[in-house]
Amino acid sequence: MIKKLSGRDEQFVNYRTSAYKLHLYETPSGYKFVMLSDPNTDSLRFVLRQVYVGPFLGYVVRNPLVKMDSREYGIDNEYFRTSIDRLVRGLSVFH
């Protein structure tokens, strides 16, 4: 679905159903960050961008010990997971 929508002139940023809202932030280098929320939540692109410029760049990209291409295991970095958990728990939309 994202590839289909990417071909359009407008940028795909979210998708809403009656059960959830999917938010997408795609970096210029092609990384995609996705978050699900309540269907009535405003855009969370700013949060996904914070994930990218903060924990992702700091604990994943700049860490030579992290395997970036592991589709089977994902990102295996305790600092990254802890930082994301702290960031999300601090959001008012998730209280």
N, C-alpha and C. Protein backbone atom coordinates (compact mmCIF):
# COMPACT_ATOMS: atom_id res chain seq x y z
N MET A 1 0.82 -1.18 0.00
CA MET A 1 0.00 0.00 0.00
C MET A 1 0.88 1.25 0.00
N ILE A 2 1.95 1.26 0.79
CA ILE A 2 2.81 2.44 0.87
C ILE A 2 3.47 2.71 -0.47
N LYS A 3 3.91 1.67 -1.16
CA LYS A 3 4.54 1.85 -2.46
C LYS A 3 3.54 2.44 -3.46
N LYS A 4 2.29 2.00 -3.42
CA LYS A 4 1.27 2.53 -4.31
C LYS A 4 1.06 4.02 -4.05
N LEU A 5 0.96 4.37 -2.78
CA LEU A 5 0.71 5.76 -2.42
C LEU A 5 1.94 6.63 -2.64
N SER A 6 3.13 6.05 -2.59
CA SER A 6 4.35 6.83 -2.77
C SER A 6 4.47 7.39 -4.17
N GLY A 7 3.82 6.78 -5.13
CA GLY A 7 3.89 7.23 -6.50
C GLY A 7 3.12 8.52 -6.74
N ARG A 8 2.29 8.90 -5.83
CA ARG A 8 1.51 10.13 -5.96
C ARG A 8 2.37 11.33 -5.62
N ASP A 9 1.85 12.52 -5.94
CA ASP A 9 2.58 13.75 -5.63
C ASP A 9 2.57 14.06 -4.14
N GLU A 10 1.47 13.78 -3.46
CA GLU A 10 1.41 14.06 -2.02
C GLU A 10 2.09 12.93 -1.25
N GLN A 11 2.60 13.27 -0.09
CA GLN A 11 3.33 12.31 0.73
C GLN A 11 2.37 11.56 1.65
N PHE A 12 2.51 10.25 1.73
CA PHE A 12 1.69 9.43 2.61
C PHE A 12 2.20 9.62 4.05
N VAL A 13 1.33 10.07 4.95
CA VAL A 13 1.76 10.29 6.34
C VAL A 13 0.93 9.53 7.36
N ASN A 14 -0.34 9.21 7.02
CA ASN A 14 -1.13 8.41 7.95
C ASN A 14 -2.28 7.74 7.23
N TYR A 15 -2.84 6.75 7.92
CA TYR A 15 -3.97 5.98 7.40
C TYR A 15 -4.88 5.67 8.58
N ARG A 16 -6.16 5.95 8.45
CA ARG A 16 -7.09 5.79 9.56
C ARG A 16 -8.12 4.71 9.25
N THR A 17 -8.37 3.86 10.25
CA THR A 17 -9.48 2.91 10.19
C THR A 17 -10.36 3.21 11.39
N SER A 18 -11.41 2.44 11.58
CA SER A 18 -12.26 2.63 12.76
C SER A 18 -11.58 2.14 14.03
N ALA A 19 -10.55 1.30 13.90
CA ALA A 19 -9.89 0.72 15.07
C ALA A 19 -8.56 1.37 15.42
N TYR A 20 -7.86 1.96 14.45
CA TYR A 20 -6.53 2.54 14.72
C TYR A 20 -6.18 3.57 13.66
N LYS A 21 -5.10 4.30 13.93
CA LYS A 21 -4.53 5.22 12.96
C LYS A 21 -3.05 4.87 12.83
N LEU A 22 -2.60 4.66 11.61
CA LEU A 22 -1.21 4.35 11.33
C LEU A 22 -0.51 5.64 10.91
N HIS A 23 0.61 5.96 11.58
CA HIS A 23 1.39 7.15 11.29
C HIS A 23 2.71 6.71 10.66
N LEU A 24 3.17 7.44 9.65
CA LEU A 24 4.40 7.08 8.94
C LEU A 24 5.31 8.29 8.84
N TYR A 25 6.60 8.07 9.11
CA TYR A 25 7.62 9.08 8.84
C TYR A 25 8.72 8.38 8.06
N GLU A 26 9.00 8.88 6.85
CA GLU A 26 10.06 8.30 6.03
C GLU A 26 11.19 9.30 5.92
N THR A 27 12.40 8.84 6.20
CA THR A 27 13.57 9.70 6.15
C THR A 27 14.05 9.85 4.70
N PRO A 28 14.85 10.86 4.43
CA PRO A 28 15.41 11.00 3.08
C PRO A 28 16.25 9.80 2.66
N SER A 29 16.83 9.09 3.63
CA SER A 29 17.64 7.91 3.31
C SER A 29 16.82 6.64 3.16
N GLY A 30 15.49 6.73 3.34
CA GLY A 30 14.62 5.59 3.08
C GLY A 30 14.17 4.80 4.30
N TYR A 31 14.62 5.16 5.50
CA TYR A 31 14.12 4.46 6.69
C TYR A 31 12.68 4.87 6.92
N LYS A 32 11.85 3.90 7.32
CA LYS A 32 10.44 4.17 7.60
C LYS A 32 10.17 3.88 9.07
N PHE A 33 9.53 4.84 9.72
CA PHE A 33 9.14 4.69 11.12
C PHE A 33 7.62 4.73 11.17
N VAL A 34 7.03 3.74 11.84
CA VAL A 34 5.58 3.57 11.86
C VAL A 34 5.12 3.46 13.31
N MET A 35 3.97 4.07 13.59
CA MET A 35 3.39 3.99 14.93
C MET A 35 1.88 3.89 14.79
N LEU A 36 1.27 3.07 15.62
CA LEU A 36 -0.19 2.95 15.65
C LEU A 36 -0.73 3.71 16.85
N SER A 37 -1.91 4.30 16.69
CA SER A 37 -2.54 5.04 17.78
C SER A 37 -4.05 4.92 17.68
N ASP A 38 -4.73 5.56 18.60
CA ASP A 38 -6.17 5.70 18.55
C ASP A 38 -6.54 6.40 17.24
N PRO A 39 -7.67 6.05 16.62
CA PRO A 39 -8.02 6.66 15.33
C PRO A 39 -8.23 8.17 15.38
N ASN A 40 -8.51 8.73 16.55
CA ASN A 40 -8.78 10.17 16.65
C ASN A 40 -7.54 10.99 17.01
N THR A 41 -6.40 10.36 17.13
CA THR A 41 -5.16 11.05 17.49
C THR A 41 -4.69 11.93 16.33
N ASP A 42 -4.19 13.13 16.68
CA ASP A 42 -3.59 14.00 15.67
C ASP A 42 -2.31 13.34 15.15
N SER A 43 -1.73 13.93 14.15
CA SER A 43 -0.53 13.39 13.52
C SER A 43 0.60 13.19 14.54
N LEU A 44 1.28 12.07 14.45
CA LEU A 44 2.42 11.77 15.31
C LEU A 44 3.74 11.77 14.53
N ARG A 45 3.74 12.41 13.36
CA ARG A 45 4.97 12.49 12.58
C ARG A 45 6.10 13.14 13.37
N PHE A 46 5.77 14.16 14.16
CA PHE A 46 6.81 14.83 14.95
C PHE A 46 7.46 13.87 15.94
N VAL A 47 6.67 12.95 16.50
CA VAL A 47 7.20 11.94 17.42
C VAL A 47 8.11 10.97 16.66
N LEU A 48 7.66 10.52 15.51
CA LEU A 48 8.46 9.60 14.72
C LEU A 48 9.76 10.27 14.26
N ARG A 49 9.70 11.55 13.96
CA ARG A 49 10.92 12.27 13.60
C ARG A 49 11.85 12.36 14.81
N GLN A 50 11.29 12.57 15.99
CA GLN A 50 12.10 12.59 17.23
C GLN A 50 12.78 11.24 17.44
N VAL A 51 12.09 10.15 17.15
CA VAL A 51 12.68 8.81 17.26
C VAL A 51 13.88 8.71 16.32
N TYR A 52 13.71 9.22 15.11
CA TYR A 52 14.79 9.14 14.12
C TYR A 52 16.00 9.98 14.53
N VAL A 53 15.79 11.26 14.83
CA VAL A 53 16.93 12.15 15.12
C VAL A 53 17.53 11.91 16.51
N GLY A 54 16.78 11.28 17.39
CA GLY A 54 17.28 11.01 18.73
C GLY A 54 17.81 9.59 18.89
N PRO A 55 16.98 8.68 19.39
CA PRO A 55 17.43 7.32 19.68
C PRO A 55 17.97 6.55 18.48
N PHE A 56 17.33 6.67 17.31
CA PHE A 56 17.79 5.89 16.17
C PHE A 56 19.19 6.31 15.71
N LEU A 57 19.39 7.60 15.50
CA LEU A 57 20.72 8.07 15.09
C LEU A 57 21.74 7.86 16.19
N GLY A 58 21.35 8.14 17.43
CA GLY A 58 22.28 8.04 18.55
C GLY A 58 22.69 6.64 18.94
N TYR A 59 21.74 5.73 19.01
CA TYR A 59 22.02 4.38 19.52
C TYR A 59 22.13 3.30 18.45
N VAL A 60 21.69 3.60 17.23
CA VAL A 60 21.72 2.58 16.18
C VAL A 60 22.71 2.95 15.08
N VAL A 61 22.47 4.06 14.41
CA VAL A 61 23.31 4.44 13.27
C VAL A 61 24.75 4.71 13.69
N ARG A 62 24.93 5.40 14.79
CA ARG A 62 26.29 5.76 15.23
C ARG A 62 26.97 4.68 16.07
N ASN A 63 26.33 3.54 16.21
CA ASN A 63 26.90 2.43 16.98
C ASN A 63 27.37 1.35 16.02
N PRO A 64 28.68 1.18 15.87
CA PRO A 64 29.18 0.19 14.91
C PRO A 64 28.88 -1.26 15.28
N LEU A 65 28.44 -1.51 16.50
CA LEU A 65 28.15 -2.88 16.93
C LEU A 65 26.73 -3.32 16.60
N VAL A 66 25.87 -2.39 16.19
CA VAL A 66 24.48 -2.72 15.87
C VAL A 66 24.39 -3.19 14.42
N LYS A 67 23.77 -4.35 14.23
CA LYS A 67 23.55 -4.88 12.88
C LYS A 67 22.33 -4.19 12.28
N MET A 68 22.55 -3.42 11.25
CA MET A 68 21.46 -2.63 10.64
C MET A 68 20.59 -3.45 9.69
N ASP A 69 21.08 -4.58 9.20
CA ASP A 69 20.35 -5.31 8.18
C ASP A 69 19.65 -6.56 8.70
N SER A 70 19.42 -6.65 9.99
CA SER A 70 18.79 -7.84 10.55
C SER A 70 17.27 -7.73 10.51
N ARG A 71 16.66 -8.26 9.47
CA ARG A 71 15.20 -8.26 9.38
C ARG A 71 14.60 -9.31 10.31
N GLU A 72 15.36 -10.32 10.64
CA GLU A 72 14.87 -11.39 11.50
C GLU A 72 14.77 -10.95 12.96
N TYR A 73 15.75 -10.20 13.44
CA TYR A 73 15.79 -9.84 14.85
C TYR A 73 15.46 -8.38 15.13
N GLY A 74 15.41 -7.53 14.11
CA GLY A 74 15.15 -6.12 14.33
C GLY A 74 16.36 -5.44 14.94
N ILE A 75 16.14 -4.35 15.63
CA ILE A 75 17.23 -3.61 16.25
C ILE A 75 17.42 -4.16 17.65
N ASP A 76 18.56 -4.78 17.88
CA ASP A 76 18.86 -5.39 19.17
C ASP A 76 19.79 -4.49 19.96
N ASN A 77 19.21 -3.44 20.56
CA ASN A 77 19.99 -2.47 21.33
C ASN A 77 19.14 -2.02 22.52
N GLU A 78 19.59 -2.37 23.70
CA GLU A 78 18.83 -2.07 24.93
C GLU A 78 18.65 -0.56 25.13
N TYR A 79 19.67 0.24 24.83
CA TYR A 79 19.56 1.69 24.98
C TYR A 79 18.50 2.27 24.05
N PHE A 80 18.45 1.75 22.83
CA PHE A 80 17.45 2.20 21.86
C PHE A 80 16.05 1.87 22.37
N ARG A 81 15.83 0.62 22.78
CA ARG A 81 14.51 0.21 23.29
C ARG A 81 14.09 1.02 24.51
N THR A 82 15.00 1.23 25.44
CA THR A 82 14.70 2.00 26.65
C THR A 82 14.35 3.44 26.32
N SER A 83 15.10 4.02 25.40
CA SER A 83 14.86 5.40 25.00
C SER A 83 13.51 5.56 24.31
N ILE A 84 13.16 4.61 23.45
CA ILE A 84 11.85 4.65 22.77
C ILE A 84 10.73 4.48 23.80
N ASP A 85 10.89 3.56 24.72
CA ASP A 85 9.89 3.33 25.76
C ASP A 85 9.66 4.61 26.57
N ARG A 86 10.73 5.26 26.96
CA ARG A 86 10.64 6.50 27.75
C ARG A 86 9.96 7.59 26.94
N LEU A 87 10.32 7.71 25.67
CA LEU A 87 9.74 8.73 24.80
C LEU A 87 8.23 8.52 24.64
N VAL A 88 7.82 7.30 24.36
CA VAL A 88 6.40 7.00 24.12
C VAL A 88 5.59 7.14 25.42
N ARG A 89 6.13 6.66 26.52
CA ARG A 89 5.40 6.77 27.79
C ARG A 89 5.22 8.21 28.23
N GLY A 90 6.08 9.10 27.76
CA GLY A 90 5.98 10.49 28.10
C GLY A 90 4.99 11.29 27.26
N LEU A 91 4.46 10.67 26.21
CA LEU A 91 3.51 11.36 25.34
C LEU A 91 2.13 11.45 25.98
N SER A 92 1.51 12.60 25.87
CA SER A 92 0.18 12.77 26.46
C SER A 92 -0.88 11.95 25.74
N VAL A 93 -0.68 11.64 24.47
CA VAL A 93 -1.68 10.87 23.72
C VAL A 93 -1.74 9.41 24.14
N PHE A 94 -0.75 8.94 24.87
CA PHE A 94 -0.73 7.54 25.29
C PHE A 94 -1.01 7.38 26.78
N HIS A 95 -1.58 8.37 27.41
CA HIS A 95 -1.92 8.27 28.84
C HIS A 95 -3.36 7.90 29.02
